[in-house]
Amino acid sequence: MNRISILLASAAFATVASSAMAADAIIYEPSPAPVYAVYDWSGFYLGAHGGYVSTRGDFGATDDTFNGGLLGVHAGYNFQNGPWVFGVEADIARTWNEDDILGLGFADFGTDWQWSARGRIGYAIDRTLIYGTAGIAGTNADIDPVVGPGKLDDSMVGWTLGAGVEHAFTDNWLVRAEYRYSDYGEFKPLGVATGIDVTEHTFRVGVSYKF
């Protein structure tokens, strides 16, 4: 093989090698798709809430409502299975709703405290939880006559039922809005001949920290 043939063969080999390297250079491996972690509602949480309370007293022949504010704390635990969230929760709140009965000026009626221990079941849409709740509830009510005996109070235990929505705006901080209806039974302290049936509507907003 003469020198010209060798040069032509070398040039041809270099051209083929360059083409192969260029072909290799434009092949890219696709990046893996990002993994999106669905929020997990499981765990303990502790929080505070405030809101509005409307208490209804049924005095037999007539009834009256006593409205005011509330402020309290709550704690609970959630367990998530798929989109379903199951939990237990307890709360206690101070209420300010004492007012004049029927506007007649002879006595005030209202509640001082309320508490509950409830189960919760909800459906999670990632960071938003829609839930229902039910359980036992109690309150301490009092009647304060203008004349006659001093303030009379009674602790009652009944049931409560409600629903709410909760949202996790970070992995640990949660906000909520909730409505509950409670039936505490009959208020009948010593010295009161006729009992007063006590029911309550509450609207709450709150914030919780999930551990």
N, C-alpha and C. Protein backbone atom coordinates (compact mmCIF):
# COMPACT_ATOMS: atom_id res chain seq x y z
N MET A 1 0.87 -1.20 0.00
CA MET A 1 0.00 0.00 0.00
C MET A 1 0.90 1.24 0.00
N ASN A 2 0.64 2.12 -0.95
CA ASN A 2 1.48 3.30 -1.04
C ASN A 2 1.06 4.35 -0.04
N ARG A 3 1.79 5.41 0.01
CA ARG A 3 1.56 6.45 1.02
C ARG A 3 0.21 7.12 0.83
N ILE A 4 -0.22 7.33 -0.41
CA ILE A 4 -1.51 7.99 -0.67
C ILE A 4 -2.65 7.15 -0.15
N SER A 5 -2.56 5.83 -0.36
CA SER A 5 -3.62 4.92 0.12
C SER A 5 -3.71 4.96 1.64
N ILE A 6 -2.53 4.99 2.29
CA ILE A 6 -2.52 5.04 3.75
C ILE A 6 -3.17 6.32 4.25
N LEU A 7 -2.86 7.45 3.60
CA LEU A 7 -3.45 8.72 4.02
C LEU A 7 -4.94 8.72 3.81
N LEU A 8 -5.42 8.18 2.67
CA LEU A 8 -6.86 8.12 2.42
C LEU A 8 -7.57 7.24 3.43
N ALA A 9 -6.96 6.11 3.78
CA ALA A 9 -7.57 5.20 4.77
C ALA A 9 -7.63 5.86 6.13
N SER A 10 -6.57 6.58 6.51
CA SER A 10 -6.54 7.26 7.81
C SER A 10 -7.60 8.35 7.87
N ALA A 11 -7.76 9.09 6.79
CA ALA A 11 -8.76 10.16 6.75
C ALA A 11 -10.16 9.57 6.86
N ALA A 12 -10.39 8.46 6.16
CA ALA A 12 -11.71 7.83 6.22
C ALA A 12 -12.01 7.33 7.63
N PHE A 13 -11.03 6.73 8.29
CA PHE A 13 -11.22 6.24 9.66
C PHE A 13 -11.50 7.40 10.62
N ALA A 14 -10.77 8.50 10.47
CA ALA A 14 -10.98 9.65 11.34
C ALA A 14 -12.38 10.23 11.15
N THR A 15 -12.85 10.24 9.88
CA THR A 15 -14.20 10.77 9.61
C THR A 15 -15.26 9.91 10.26
N VAL A 16 -15.11 8.56 10.14
CA VAL A 16 -16.08 7.64 10.75
C VAL A 16 -16.06 7.77 12.27
N ALA A 17 -14.86 7.87 12.86
CA ALA A 17 -14.74 7.98 14.32
C ALA A 17 -15.36 9.28 14.81
N SER A 18 -15.13 10.38 14.07
CA SER A 18 -15.70 11.67 14.48
C SER A 18 -17.21 11.64 14.40
N SER A 19 -17.75 10.98 13.34
CA SER A 19 -19.21 10.89 13.21
C SER A 19 -19.80 10.07 14.35
N ALA A 20 -19.11 8.99 14.74
CA ALA A 20 -19.61 8.16 15.84
C ALA A 20 -19.60 8.92 17.15
N MET A 21 -18.52 9.68 17.41
CA MET A 21 -18.43 10.47 18.63
C MET A 21 -19.51 11.55 18.66
N ALA A 22 -19.76 12.16 17.50
CA ALA A 22 -20.79 13.20 17.44
C ALA A 22 -22.16 12.61 17.70
N ALA A 23 -22.39 11.41 17.16
CA ALA A 23 -23.68 10.75 17.40
C ALA A 23 -23.85 10.43 18.88
N ASP A 24 -22.73 9.94 19.48
CA ASP A 24 -22.81 9.65 20.92
C ASP A 24 -23.06 10.92 21.73
N ALA A 25 -22.57 12.05 21.33
CA ALA A 25 -22.63 13.27 22.11
C ALA A 25 -24.05 13.83 22.20
N ILE A 26 -24.92 13.50 21.24
CA ILE A 26 -26.25 14.09 21.26
C ILE A 26 -27.29 13.16 21.89
N ILE A 27 -26.86 12.04 22.45
CA ILE A 27 -27.78 11.13 23.14
C ILE A 27 -27.82 11.50 24.61
N TYR A 28 -28.99 11.86 25.12
CA TYR A 28 -29.16 12.26 26.51
C TYR A 28 -30.08 11.27 27.21
N GLU A 29 -29.72 10.93 28.45
CA GLU A 29 -30.59 10.10 29.27
C GLU A 29 -31.68 10.99 29.89
N PRO A 30 -32.95 10.60 29.81
CA PRO A 30 -34.01 11.43 30.42
C PRO A 30 -33.87 11.50 31.93
N SER A 31 -34.13 12.68 32.48
CA SER A 31 -34.07 12.87 33.93
C SER A 31 -35.24 12.14 34.59
N PRO A 32 -34.99 11.55 35.76
CA PRO A 32 -36.10 10.88 36.44
C PRO A 32 -37.19 11.87 36.83
N ALA A 33 -38.42 11.42 36.74
CA ALA A 33 -39.55 12.29 37.09
C ALA A 33 -39.52 12.61 38.58
N PRO A 34 -39.81 13.86 38.98
CA PRO A 34 -39.80 14.20 40.40
C PRO A 34 -40.87 13.43 41.16
N VAL A 35 -40.52 13.01 42.35
CA VAL A 35 -41.44 12.25 43.20
C VAL A 35 -42.18 13.23 44.10
N TYR A 36 -43.52 13.25 44.03
CA TYR A 36 -44.34 14.17 44.83
C TYR A 36 -44.88 13.42 46.03
N ALA A 37 -44.55 13.86 47.23
CA ALA A 37 -44.96 13.19 48.45
C ALA A 37 -46.33 13.71 48.89
N VAL A 38 -47.30 12.80 49.00
CA VAL A 38 -48.63 13.16 49.50
C VAL A 38 -48.54 13.41 51.00
N TYR A 39 -49.25 14.42 51.49
CA TYR A 39 -49.20 14.77 52.90
C TYR A 39 -49.76 13.65 53.76
N ASP A 40 -49.11 13.40 54.89
CA ASP A 40 -49.54 12.37 55.84
C ASP A 40 -50.14 13.03 57.07
N TRP A 41 -51.41 12.76 57.35
CA TRP A 41 -52.11 13.35 58.47
C TRP A 41 -51.87 12.61 59.78
N SER A 42 -51.19 11.51 59.76
CA SER A 42 -51.00 10.71 60.98
C SER A 42 -50.13 11.45 61.99
N GLY A 43 -50.47 11.30 63.28
CA GLY A 43 -49.65 11.86 64.34
C GLY A 43 -50.45 12.62 65.38
N PHE A 44 -49.75 12.98 66.45
CA PHE A 44 -50.34 13.77 67.53
C PHE A 44 -50.35 15.25 67.15
N TYR A 45 -51.31 15.99 67.70
CA TYR A 45 -51.35 17.44 67.48
C TYR A 45 -51.93 18.13 68.71
N LEU A 46 -51.60 19.40 68.84
CA LEU A 46 -52.04 20.23 69.96
C LEU A 46 -52.34 21.62 69.40
N GLY A 47 -53.45 22.23 69.87
CA GLY A 47 -53.78 23.52 69.30
C GLY A 47 -54.70 24.36 70.18
N ALA A 48 -55.07 25.50 69.64
CA ALA A 48 -55.96 26.45 70.32
C ALA A 48 -57.04 26.89 69.33
N HIS A 49 -58.19 27.29 69.88
CA HIS A 49 -59.29 27.72 69.02
C HIS A 49 -60.11 28.81 69.70
N GLY A 50 -60.84 29.54 68.91
CA GLY A 50 -61.76 30.55 69.40
C GLY A 50 -62.98 30.59 68.50
N GLY A 51 -64.03 31.26 68.97
CA GLY A 51 -65.21 31.32 68.12
C GLY A 51 -66.41 31.92 68.80
N TYR A 52 -67.57 31.46 68.33
CA TYR A 52 -68.86 32.02 68.72
C TYR A 52 -69.74 30.90 69.24
N VAL A 53 -70.44 31.15 70.33
CA VAL A 53 -71.34 30.15 70.93
C VAL A 53 -72.72 30.76 71.09
N SER A 54 -73.73 29.97 70.68
CA SER A 54 -75.13 30.37 70.85
C SER A 54 -75.82 29.27 71.66
N THR A 55 -76.16 29.58 72.91
CA THR A 55 -76.77 28.62 73.82
C THR A 55 -78.27 28.88 73.90
N ARG A 56 -79.04 27.81 73.78
CA ARG A 56 -80.50 27.93 73.86
C ARG A 56 -80.99 27.28 75.14
N GLY A 57 -81.75 28.02 75.91
CA GLY A 57 -82.38 27.49 77.12
C GLY A 57 -83.88 27.36 76.91
N ASP A 58 -84.40 26.14 77.06
CA ASP A 58 -85.83 25.90 76.91
C ASP A 58 -86.44 25.87 78.31
N PHE A 59 -87.24 26.90 78.61
CA PHE A 59 -87.82 27.04 79.94
C PHE A 59 -89.22 26.45 80.04
N GLY A 60 -89.60 25.64 79.06
CA GLY A 60 -90.92 25.02 79.08
C GLY A 60 -91.90 25.81 78.25
N ALA A 61 -92.46 26.86 78.82
CA ALA A 61 -93.45 27.67 78.10
C ALA A 61 -92.79 28.56 77.06
N THR A 62 -91.51 28.84 77.22
CA THR A 62 -90.81 29.70 76.28
C THR A 62 -89.33 29.32 76.27
N ASP A 63 -88.57 29.96 75.42
CA ASP A 63 -87.13 29.71 75.35
C ASP A 63 -86.40 31.00 75.06
N ASP A 64 -85.07 30.97 75.25
CA ASP A 64 -84.25 32.16 75.05
C ASP A 64 -82.88 31.71 74.58
N THR A 65 -82.16 32.58 73.90
CA THR A 65 -80.81 32.28 73.46
C THR A 65 -79.82 33.21 74.14
N PHE A 66 -78.63 32.70 74.39
CA PHE A 66 -77.58 33.43 75.10
C PHE A 66 -76.30 33.28 74.28
N ASN A 67 -75.86 34.37 73.68
CA ASN A 67 -74.78 34.34 72.70
C ASN A 67 -73.51 34.99 73.26
N GLY A 68 -72.37 34.51 72.80
CA GLY A 68 -71.11 35.09 73.24
C GLY A 68 -69.93 34.42 72.58
N GLY A 69 -68.76 34.64 73.16
CA GLY A 69 -67.53 34.10 72.60
C GLY A 69 -67.02 32.91 73.38
N LEU A 70 -66.04 32.24 72.80
CA LEU A 70 -65.37 31.12 73.47
C LEU A 70 -63.90 31.11 73.09
N LEU A 71 -63.09 30.55 73.97
CA LEU A 71 -61.65 30.43 73.74
C LEU A 71 -61.17 29.17 74.44
N GLY A 72 -60.46 28.31 73.73
CA GLY A 72 -60.07 27.04 74.33
C GLY A 72 -58.86 26.40 73.68
N VAL A 73 -58.59 25.16 74.09
CA VAL A 73 -57.48 24.37 73.58
C VAL A 73 -58.01 22.99 73.19
N HIS A 74 -57.28 22.31 72.32
CA HIS A 74 -57.65 20.96 71.90
C HIS A 74 -56.39 20.14 71.65
N ALA A 75 -56.55 18.81 71.72
CA ALA A 75 -55.45 17.89 71.46
C ALA A 75 -56.03 16.61 70.88
N GLY A 76 -55.25 15.94 70.03
CA GLY A 76 -55.77 14.71 69.44
C GLY A 76 -54.71 13.92 68.71
N TYR A 77 -55.18 12.83 68.09
CA TYR A 77 -54.29 11.95 67.32
C TYR A 77 -55.03 11.47 66.08
N ASN A 78 -54.34 11.47 64.94
CA ASN A 78 -54.90 10.99 63.68
C ASN A 78 -54.12 9.78 63.17
N PHE A 79 -54.85 8.88 62.49
CA PHE A 79 -54.24 7.75 61.78
C PHE A 79 -54.80 7.74 60.37
N GLN A 80 -53.93 7.72 59.36
CA GLN A 80 -54.38 7.77 57.97
C GLN A 80 -54.21 6.42 57.29
N ASN A 81 -55.25 6.01 56.55
CA ASN A 81 -55.23 4.79 55.76
C ASN A 81 -55.76 5.14 54.37
N GLY A 82 -54.87 5.26 53.41
CA GLY A 82 -55.28 5.77 52.11
C GLY A 82 -55.74 7.20 52.26
N PRO A 83 -56.85 7.57 51.63
CA PRO A 83 -57.35 8.95 51.81
C PRO A 83 -58.15 9.14 53.09
N TRP A 84 -58.45 8.06 53.81
CA TRP A 84 -59.28 8.14 55.01
C TRP A 84 -58.45 8.41 56.25
N VAL A 85 -58.94 9.32 57.07
CA VAL A 85 -58.23 9.71 58.30
C VAL A 85 -59.16 9.46 59.49
N PHE A 86 -58.66 8.70 60.46
CA PHE A 86 -59.42 8.38 61.67
C PHE A 86 -58.69 8.98 62.87
N GLY A 87 -59.45 9.54 63.81
CA GLY A 87 -58.78 10.18 64.94
C GLY A 87 -59.66 10.29 66.16
N VAL A 88 -59.03 10.71 67.24
CA VAL A 88 -59.71 11.04 68.49
C VAL A 88 -59.24 12.43 68.91
N GLU A 89 -60.14 13.17 69.57
CA GLU A 89 -59.80 14.53 69.98
C GLU A 89 -60.55 14.90 71.25
N ALA A 90 -59.92 15.71 72.08
CA ALA A 90 -60.54 16.26 73.28
C ALA A 90 -60.31 17.76 73.28
N ASP A 91 -61.27 18.52 73.83
CA ASP A 91 -61.12 19.96 73.90
C ASP A 91 -61.80 20.51 75.14
N ILE A 92 -61.39 21.69 75.54
CA ILE A 92 -62.03 22.42 76.63
C ILE A 92 -61.97 23.90 76.28
N ALA A 93 -63.05 24.63 76.63
CA ALA A 93 -63.10 26.05 76.27
C ALA A 93 -63.82 26.84 77.35
N ARG A 94 -63.39 28.06 77.53
CA ARG A 94 -64.07 29.03 78.39
C ARG A 94 -65.08 29.77 77.53
N THR A 95 -66.31 29.95 78.05
CA THR A 95 -67.36 30.64 77.29
C THR A 95 -67.82 31.89 78.04
N TRP A 96 -68.22 32.89 77.25
CA TRP A 96 -68.75 34.14 77.80
C TRP A 96 -70.08 34.43 77.11
N ASN A 97 -71.17 33.93 77.66
CA ASN A 97 -72.47 34.11 77.00
C ASN A 97 -73.60 34.38 77.99
N GLU A 98 -73.28 34.78 79.22
CA GLU A 98 -74.31 35.03 80.21
C GLU A 98 -75.11 36.28 79.85
N ASP A 99 -76.45 36.16 79.97
CA ASP A 99 -77.31 37.29 79.62
C ASP A 99 -78.62 37.19 80.39
N ASP A 100 -79.37 38.26 80.32
CA ASP A 100 -80.65 38.39 81.00
C ASP A 100 -81.69 37.43 80.40
N ILE A 101 -82.41 36.68 81.23
CA ILE A 101 -83.43 35.75 80.74
C ILE A 101 -84.63 36.53 80.23
N LEU A 102 -84.92 36.38 78.93
CA LEU A 102 -86.09 37.01 78.28
C LEU A 102 -86.12 38.52 78.40
N GLY A 103 -85.01 39.12 78.83
CA GLY A 103 -84.96 40.56 78.98
C GLY A 103 -85.82 41.09 80.10
N LEU A 104 -86.19 40.22 81.06
CA LEU A 104 -87.09 40.64 82.14
C LEU A 104 -86.36 41.21 83.34
N GLY A 105 -85.06 40.95 83.43
CA GLY A 105 -84.26 41.55 84.49
C GLY A 105 -84.33 40.86 85.83
N PHE A 106 -84.89 39.63 85.90
CA PHE A 106 -84.97 38.96 87.20
C PHE A 106 -83.85 37.95 87.42
N ALA A 107 -83.17 37.52 86.33
CA ALA A 107 -82.07 36.56 86.48
C ALA A 107 -81.26 36.51 85.20
N ASP A 108 -79.99 36.18 85.36
CA ASP A 108 -79.10 35.93 84.22
C ASP A 108 -78.86 34.43 84.09
N PHE A 109 -78.66 33.99 82.85
CA PHE A 109 -78.36 32.58 82.59
C PHE A 109 -77.24 32.50 81.57
N GLY A 110 -76.41 31.46 81.66
CA GLY A 110 -75.33 31.27 80.70
C GLY A 110 -74.47 30.08 81.07
N THR A 111 -73.42 29.86 80.30
CA THR A 111 -72.47 28.79 80.57
C THR A 111 -71.09 29.39 80.82
N ASP A 112 -70.30 28.66 81.61
CA ASP A 112 -68.94 29.11 81.92
C ASP A 112 -67.88 28.32 81.15
N TRP A 113 -68.08 26.99 81.07
CA TRP A 113 -67.11 26.11 80.45
C TRP A 113 -67.83 25.10 79.58
N GLN A 114 -67.13 24.58 78.59
CA GLN A 114 -67.61 23.44 77.81
C GLN A 114 -66.43 22.54 77.48
N TRP A 115 -66.69 21.25 77.35
CA TRP A 115 -65.63 20.29 77.02
C TRP A 115 -66.23 19.17 76.18
N SER A 116 -65.38 18.41 75.51
CA SER A 116 -65.86 17.26 74.74
C SER A 116 -64.72 16.26 74.55
N ALA A 117 -65.11 15.00 74.31
CA ALA A 117 -64.20 13.93 73.90
C ALA A 117 -64.86 13.23 72.73
N ARG A 118 -64.22 13.24 71.56
CA ARG A 118 -64.89 12.85 70.33
C ARG A 118 -64.04 11.95 69.45
N GLY A 119 -64.70 11.22 68.58
CA GLY A 119 -64.04 10.57 67.47
C GLY A 119 -64.14 11.44 66.23
N ARG A 120 -63.20 11.26 65.29
CA ARG A 120 -63.25 12.00 64.03
C ARG A 120 -63.00 11.03 62.88
N ILE A 121 -63.68 11.25 61.77
CA ILE A 121 -63.40 10.53 60.54
C ILE A 121 -63.44 11.52 59.39
N GLY A 122 -62.42 11.47 58.54
CA GLY A 122 -62.33 12.46 57.48
C GLY A 122 -61.79 11.88 56.19
N TYR A 123 -61.91 12.66 55.14
CA TYR A 123 -61.40 12.30 53.82
C TYR A 123 -60.37 13.35 53.42
N ALA A 124 -59.15 12.90 53.17
CA ALA A 124 -58.05 13.82 52.86
C ALA A 124 -57.89 13.99 51.36
N ILE A 125 -57.83 15.24 50.94
CA ILE A 125 -57.45 15.59 49.57
C ILE A 125 -56.09 16.26 49.68
N ASP A 126 -55.07 15.43 49.77
CA ASP A 126 -53.70 15.87 50.02
C ASP A 126 -53.63 16.66 51.33
N ARG A 127 -53.46 17.98 51.26
CA ARG A 127 -53.28 18.79 52.47
C ARG A 127 -54.59 19.35 53.03
N THR A 128 -55.71 18.98 52.47
CA THR A 128 -57.01 19.43 52.97
C THR A 128 -57.80 18.22 53.47
N LEU A 129 -58.35 18.36 54.66
CA LEU A 129 -59.10 17.28 55.30
C LEU A 129 -60.53 17.76 55.58
N ILE A 130 -61.50 17.02 55.06
CA ILE A 130 -62.92 17.27 55.34
C ILE A 130 -63.36 16.18 56.30
N TYR A 131 -63.93 16.56 57.45
CA TYR A 131 -64.19 15.56 58.48
C TYR A 131 -65.52 15.78 59.18
N GLY A 132 -66.00 14.71 59.81
CA GLY A 132 -67.13 14.75 60.72
C GLY A 132 -66.65 14.31 62.09
N THR A 133 -67.37 14.72 63.12
CA THR A 133 -66.95 14.41 64.48
C THR A 133 -68.17 14.24 65.37
N ALA A 134 -68.07 13.35 66.37
CA ALA A 134 -69.17 13.10 67.30
C ALA A 134 -68.60 12.49 68.57
N GLY A 135 -69.30 12.74 69.68
CA GLY A 135 -68.86 12.18 70.96
C GLY A 135 -69.65 12.74 72.12
N ILE A 136 -69.06 12.65 73.31
CA ILE A 136 -69.70 13.18 74.51
C ILE A 136 -69.25 14.62 74.75
N ALA A 137 -70.12 15.38 75.40
CA ALA A 137 -69.81 16.79 75.66
C ALA A 137 -70.42 17.20 76.99
N GLY A 138 -69.82 18.17 77.61
CA GLY A 138 -70.32 18.66 78.88
C GLY A 138 -70.19 20.16 78.99
N THR A 139 -70.96 20.74 79.91
CA THR A 139 -70.88 22.17 80.16
C THR A 139 -71.23 22.45 81.61
N ASN A 140 -70.83 23.62 82.07
CA ASN A 140 -71.22 24.10 83.39
C ASN A 140 -72.07 25.35 83.19
N ALA A 141 -73.35 25.26 83.52
CA ALA A 141 -74.28 26.38 83.35
C ALA A 141 -74.64 26.96 84.71
N ASP A 142 -75.10 28.20 84.69
CA ASP A 142 -75.50 28.83 85.95
C ASP A 142 -76.65 29.79 85.72
N ILE A 143 -77.42 30.00 86.78
CA ILE A 143 -78.49 30.98 86.79
C ILE A 143 -78.26 31.88 88.00
N ASP A 144 -78.29 33.18 87.76
CA ASP A 144 -77.95 34.17 88.79
C ASP A 144 -79.14 35.09 89.02
N PRO A 145 -79.97 34.80 90.04
CA PRO A 145 -81.14 35.65 90.30
C PRO A 145 -80.73 37.03 90.80
N VAL A 146 -81.50 38.03 90.42
CA VAL A 146 -81.25 39.38 90.91
C VAL A 146 -81.58 39.48 92.39
N VAL A 147 -82.66 38.83 92.81
CA VAL A 147 -83.04 38.78 94.23
C VAL A 147 -83.21 37.32 94.62
N GLY A 148 -83.18 37.05 95.89
CA GLY A 148 -83.36 35.68 96.34
C GLY A 148 -82.03 34.99 96.55
N PRO A 149 -81.97 33.66 96.32
CA PRO A 149 -80.73 32.91 96.56
C PRO A 149 -79.60 33.36 95.64
N GLY A 150 -78.37 33.00 96.00
CA GLY A 150 -77.23 33.35 95.18
C GLY A 150 -77.18 32.53 93.90
N LYS A 151 -76.08 32.65 93.18
CA LYS A 151 -75.92 31.97 91.89
C LYS A 151 -76.03 30.46 92.07
N LEU A 152 -76.80 29.81 91.19
CA LEU A 152 -76.96 28.36 91.19
C LEU A 152 -76.31 27.82 89.92
N ASP A 153 -75.52 26.77 90.05
CA ASP A 153 -74.87 26.21 88.88
C ASP A 153 -75.04 24.70 88.84
N ASP A 154 -74.82 24.13 87.65
CA ASP A 154 -75.02 22.70 87.45
C ASP A 154 -74.10 22.25 86.32
N SER A 155 -73.48 21.09 86.48
CA SER A 155 -72.66 20.49 85.43
C SER A 155 -73.48 19.42 84.72
N MET A 156 -73.51 19.47 83.42
CA MET A 156 -74.31 18.54 82.62
C MET A 156 -73.42 17.84 81.60
N VAL A 157 -73.82 16.62 81.24
CA VAL A 157 -73.10 15.84 80.23
C VAL A 157 -74.10 15.36 79.20
N GLY A 158 -73.78 15.57 77.93
CA GLY A 158 -74.65 15.14 76.84
C GLY A 158 -73.83 14.66 75.65
N TRP A 159 -74.24 15.07 74.46
CA TRP A 159 -73.56 14.61 73.25
C TRP A 159 -73.35 15.80 72.30
N THR A 160 -72.44 15.60 71.35
CA THR A 160 -72.14 16.64 70.38
C THR A 160 -71.88 16.02 69.02
N LEU A 161 -72.20 16.77 67.97
CA LEU A 161 -72.08 16.28 66.59
C LEU A 161 -71.72 17.46 65.71
N GLY A 162 -70.78 17.27 64.78
CA GLY A 162 -70.40 18.39 63.93
C GLY A 162 -69.57 17.98 62.74
N ALA A 163 -69.06 18.99 62.04
CA ALA A 163 -68.24 18.78 60.85
C ALA A 163 -67.30 19.96 60.68
N GLY A 164 -66.23 19.72 59.92
CA GLY A 164 -65.27 20.80 59.72
C GLY A 164 -64.34 20.53 58.55
N VAL A 165 -63.47 21.49 58.30
CA VAL A 165 -62.44 21.36 57.28
C VAL A 165 -61.13 21.85 57.87
N GLU A 166 -60.05 21.14 57.56
CA GLU A 166 -58.73 21.45 58.10
C GLU A 166 -57.73 21.46 56.96
N HIS A 167 -56.75 22.34 57.05
CA HIS A 167 -55.75 22.44 55.98
C HIS A 167 -54.35 22.56 56.58
N ALA A 168 -53.43 21.79 56.03
CA ALA A 168 -52.03 21.84 56.46
C ALA A 168 -51.27 22.80 55.55
N PHE A 169 -50.97 24.00 56.05
CA PHE A 169 -50.25 24.95 55.20
C PHE A 169 -48.75 24.80 55.31
N THR A 170 -48.25 24.02 56.29
CA THR A 170 -46.88 23.50 56.30
C THR A 170 -46.98 22.05 56.77
N ASP A 171 -45.85 21.36 56.88
CA ASP A 171 -45.88 19.98 57.34
C ASP A 171 -46.34 19.86 58.79
N ASN A 172 -46.21 20.94 59.57
CA ASN A 172 -46.56 20.88 60.99
C ASN A 172 -47.73 21.76 61.40
N TRP A 173 -47.96 22.86 60.71
CA TRP A 173 -48.99 23.81 61.13
C TRP A 173 -50.28 23.59 60.35
N LEU A 174 -51.39 23.48 61.10
CA LEU A 174 -52.70 23.22 60.54
C LEU A 174 -53.67 24.33 60.95
N VAL A 175 -54.61 24.66 60.07
CA VAL A 175 -55.69 25.57 60.41
C VAL A 175 -57.01 24.85 60.17
N ARG A 176 -58.06 25.27 60.91
CA ARG A 176 -59.35 24.59 60.81
C ARG A 176 -60.51 25.55 61.00
N ALA A 177 -61.66 25.12 60.50
CA ALA A 177 -62.94 25.78 60.79
C ALA A 177 -63.94 24.66 61.06
N GLU A 178 -64.78 24.85 62.09
CA GLU A 178 -65.64 23.74 62.54
C GLU A 178 -66.96 24.27 63.08
N TYR A 179 -68.02 23.51 62.81
CA TYR A 179 -69.34 23.76 63.42
C TYR A 179 -69.73 22.54 64.24
N ARG A 180 -70.32 22.78 65.44
CA ARG A 180 -70.83 21.67 66.25
C ARG A 180 -72.16 22.03 66.89
N TYR A 181 -73.02 21.02 67.01
CA TYR A 181 -74.27 21.12 67.76
C TYR A 181 -74.14 20.22 68.98
N SER A 182 -74.52 20.74 70.15
CA SER A 182 -74.40 19.98 71.40
C SER A 182 -75.73 20.01 72.15
N ASP A 183 -76.09 18.86 72.73
CA ASP A 183 -77.28 18.75 73.57
C ASP A 183 -76.80 18.28 74.94
N TYR A 184 -76.93 19.16 75.95
CA TYR A 184 -76.40 18.86 77.27
C TYR A 184 -77.44 18.29 78.23
N GLY A 185 -78.67 18.17 77.78
CA GLY A 185 -79.69 17.65 78.67
C GLY A 185 -80.33 18.75 79.50
N GLU A 186 -80.67 18.43 80.73
CA GLU A 186 -81.46 19.33 81.58
C GLU A 186 -80.62 19.98 82.67
N PHE A 187 -80.73 21.29 82.73
CA PHE A 187 -80.12 22.07 83.80
C PHE A 187 -81.11 22.12 84.97
N LYS A 188 -80.73 21.50 86.09
CA LYS A 188 -81.65 21.46 87.23
C LYS A 188 -80.85 21.41 88.54
N PRO A 189 -80.28 22.54 88.93
CA PRO A 189 -79.53 22.57 90.19
C PRO A 189 -80.48 22.50 91.38
N LEU A 190 -79.90 22.28 92.55
CA LEU A 190 -80.70 22.27 93.77
C LEU A 190 -81.40 23.61 93.95
N GLY A 191 -82.66 23.57 94.29
CA GLY A 191 -83.42 24.79 94.50
C GLY A 191 -84.21 25.24 93.30
N VAL A 192 -84.04 24.57 92.13
CA VAL A 192 -84.80 24.91 90.94
C VAL A 192 -85.82 23.81 90.70
N ALA A 193 -87.09 24.17 90.70
CA ALA A 193 -88.16 23.17 90.59
C ALA A 193 -88.30 22.64 89.16
N THR A 194 -88.16 23.51 88.20
CA THR A 194 -88.34 23.12 86.79
C THR A 194 -87.01 23.18 86.07
N GLY A 195 -86.67 22.09 85.38
CA GLY A 195 -85.40 22.04 84.66
C GLY A 195 -85.42 22.87 83.39
N ILE A 196 -84.23 23.22 82.92
CA ILE A 196 -84.06 23.99 81.69
C ILE A 196 -83.26 23.12 80.72
N ASP A 197 -83.86 22.80 79.57
CA ASP A 197 -83.14 22.04 78.55
C ASP A 197 -82.14 22.95 77.85
N VAL A 198 -80.88 22.51 77.77
CA VAL A 198 -79.81 23.35 77.25
C VAL A 198 -79.19 22.71 76.00
N THR A 199 -79.23 23.43 74.89
CA THR A 199 -78.56 23.02 73.65
C THR A 199 -77.68 24.16 73.18
N GLU A 200 -76.77 23.84 72.25
CA GLU A 200 -75.76 24.84 71.89
C GLU A 200 -75.28 24.66 70.46
N HIS A 201 -75.09 25.79 69.77
CA HIS A 201 -74.42 25.83 68.47
C HIS A 201 -73.08 26.55 68.66
N THR A 202 -72.01 25.96 68.15
CA THR A 202 -70.71 26.63 68.23
C THR A 202 -70.04 26.66 66.86
N PHE A 203 -69.39 27.77 66.58
CA PHE A 203 -68.61 27.96 65.36
C PHE A 203 -67.19 28.30 65.81
N ARG A 204 -66.22 27.51 65.35
CA ARG A 204 -64.84 27.68 65.83
C ARG A 204 -63.86 27.77 64.68
N VAL A 205 -62.81 28.52 64.88
CA VAL A 205 -61.62 28.48 64.03
C VAL A 205 -60.44 28.21 64.93
N GLY A 206 -59.46 27.49 64.41
CA GLY A 206 -58.33 27.15 65.27
C GLY A 206 -57.06 26.89 64.50
N VAL A 207 -55.99 26.75 65.23
CA VAL A 207 -54.69 26.43 64.68
C VAL A 207 -54.08 25.32 65.53
N SER A 208 -53.39 24.38 64.87
CA SER A 208 -52.80 23.23 65.58
C SER A 208 -51.36 23.03 65.11
N TYR A 209 -50.59 22.41 66.00
CA TYR A 209 -49.22 21.99 65.63
C TYR A 209 -49.16 20.47 65.66
N LYS A 210 -48.80 19.86 64.54
CA LYS A 210 -48.69 18.40 64.45
C LYS A 210 -47.25 17.96 64.67
N PHE A 211 -47.06 17.06 65.61
CA PHE A 211 -45.72 16.60 65.95
C PHE A 211 -45.25 15.48 65.02
